[in-house]
C-alpha cells in the first residue's frame, strides 16, 4: 500500500488542475460551456473517488490471499536475463 500512498499526490494534482479549469469555465462561460464544465467536474470527482477508494479496496482484497503476495507475480525476474542476451535476440 506504500505505492498508493506515494502516488496519491499525482492523482490529486491532475484531478485538482482539471477541477480548477472546470470552475473557471463555469464562472466565465456561456450556458453551454457551463453545462460542459459541470459535467466534466462531476466526471472528474467520480473518477477521483473511483481511482482512490476502489483500487485501494481491490488491492487489499487481492493481497488478503497468501498466494497473491508473491513478488514474482508483479515484478519481472531480471536475474536470468542479461543485456547481451537481449541484444542478440533482437
Protein backbone atom coordinates (compact mmCIF):
# COMPACT_ATOMS: atom_id res chain seq x y z
CA UNK A 1 0.00 0.00 0.00
CA UNK A 2 3.04 2.26 0.21
CA UNK A 3 2.98 2.74 -3.55
CA UNK A 4 -0.58 4.02 -3.46
CA UNK A 5 0.28 6.41 -0.66
CA UNK A 6 3.18 7.79 -2.70
CA UNK A 7 1.08 8.16 -5.85
CA UNK A 8 -1.81 10.00 -4.21
CA UNK A 9 -0.17 13.36 -4.89
CA UNK A 10 -0.09 12.68 -8.62
CA UNK A 11 -3.74 11.64 -8.62
CA UNK A 12 -4.77 14.75 -6.73
CA UNK A 13 -2.60 17.07 -8.83
CA UNK A 14 -4.16 16.01 -12.12
CA UNK A 15 -7.69 15.98 -10.80
CA UNK A 16 -7.42 19.29 -8.94
CA UNK A 17 -5.99 21.02 -12.01
CA UNK A 18 -8.94 19.82 -14.05
CA UNK A 19 -11.40 20.90 -11.34
CA UNK A 20 -9.87 24.39 -11.26
CA UNK A 21 -10.27 24.70 -15.02
CA UNK A 22 -13.88 23.49 -14.68
CA UNK A 23 -14.53 26.19 -12.10
CA UNK A 24 -13.07 28.87 -14.38
CA UNK A 25 -15.14 27.63 -17.32
CA UNK A 26 -18.27 27.59 -15.17
CA UNK A 27 -17.70 31.16 -13.96
CA UNK A 28 -16.87 32.82 -17.29
CA UNK A 29 -18.62 30.54 -19.78
CA UNK A 30 -21.93 30.73 -21.58
CA UNK A 31 -24.80 28.37 -20.77
CA UNK A 32 -23.46 25.53 -22.96
CA UNK A 33 -19.95 25.92 -21.57
CA UNK A 34 -21.32 25.95 -18.01
CA UNK A 35 -23.13 22.68 -18.71
CA UNK A 36 -19.93 21.18 -20.08
CA UNK A 37 -17.93 22.40 -17.07
CA UNK A 38 -20.46 20.95 -14.63
CA UNK A 39 -20.50 17.59 -16.41
CA UNK A 40 -16.71 17.48 -16.64
CA UNK A 41 -16.36 18.39 -12.96
CA UNK A 42 -18.79 15.69 -11.92
CA UNK A 43 -16.93 13.13 -14.03
CA UNK A 44 -13.59 14.15 -12.53
CA UNK A 45 -14.95 13.85 -8.98
CA UNK A 46 -16.36 10.39 -9.70
CA UNK A 47 -13.09 9.36 -11.33
CA UNK A 48 -11.10 10.63 -8.34
CA UNK A 49 -13.29 8.69 -5.92
CA UNK A 50 -13.03 5.53 -8.00
CA UNK A 51 -9.28 5.70 -8.53
CA UNK A 52 -8.50 6.29 -4.86
CA UNK A 53 -11.04 4.21 -2.98
CA UNK A 54 -11.97 1.35 -5.28
CA UNK A 55 -8.44 0.50 -6.41
CA UNK A 56 -7.17 0.50 -2.82
CA UNK A 57 -10.03 -1.76 -1.75
CA UNK A 58 -9.42 -4.10 -4.69
CA UNK A 59 -5.70 -4.40 -3.93
CA UNK A 60 -6.38 -5.08 -0.26
CA UNK A 61 -8.80 -7.82 -1.29
CA UNK A 62 -6.25 -9.40 -3.63
CA UNK A 63 -3.42 -9.31 -1.13
CA UNK A 64 -5.58 -10.94 1.52
CA UNK A 65 -4.85 -14.22 -0.27
CA UNK A 66 -1.41 -15.60 0.56
CA UNK A 67 -0.63 -16.82 -2.97
CA UNK A 68 -1.22 -13.30 -4.35
CA UNK A 69 1.61 -11.89 -2.20
CA UNK A 70 4.40 -13.48 -4.26
CA UNK A 71 6.71 -10.85 -5.75
CA UNK A 72 7.21 -12.74 -8.99
CA UNK A 73 3.59 -12.05 -9.89
CA UNK A 74 4.23 -8.32 -10.00
CA UNK A 75 7.96 -7.89 -10.66
CA UNK A 76 9.86 -9.06 -13.70
CA UNK A 77 12.67 -11.50 -12.93
CA UNK A 78 15.75 -9.63 -14.11
CA UNK A 79 18.33 -12.02 -12.67
CA UNK A 80 18.02 -14.51 -15.57
CA UNK A 81 18.32 -12.02 -18.41
CA UNK A 82 21.50 -10.17 -19.30
CA UNK A 83 21.93 -7.23 -21.64
CA UNK A 84 23.88 -9.34 -24.16
CA UNK A 85 21.02 -11.84 -24.45
CA UNK A 86 18.58 -9.03 -25.08
CA UNK A 87 20.78 -7.54 -27.81
CA UNK A 88 21.28 -10.89 -29.57
CA UNK A 89 17.56 -11.69 -29.59
CA UNK A 90 16.60 -8.54 -31.47
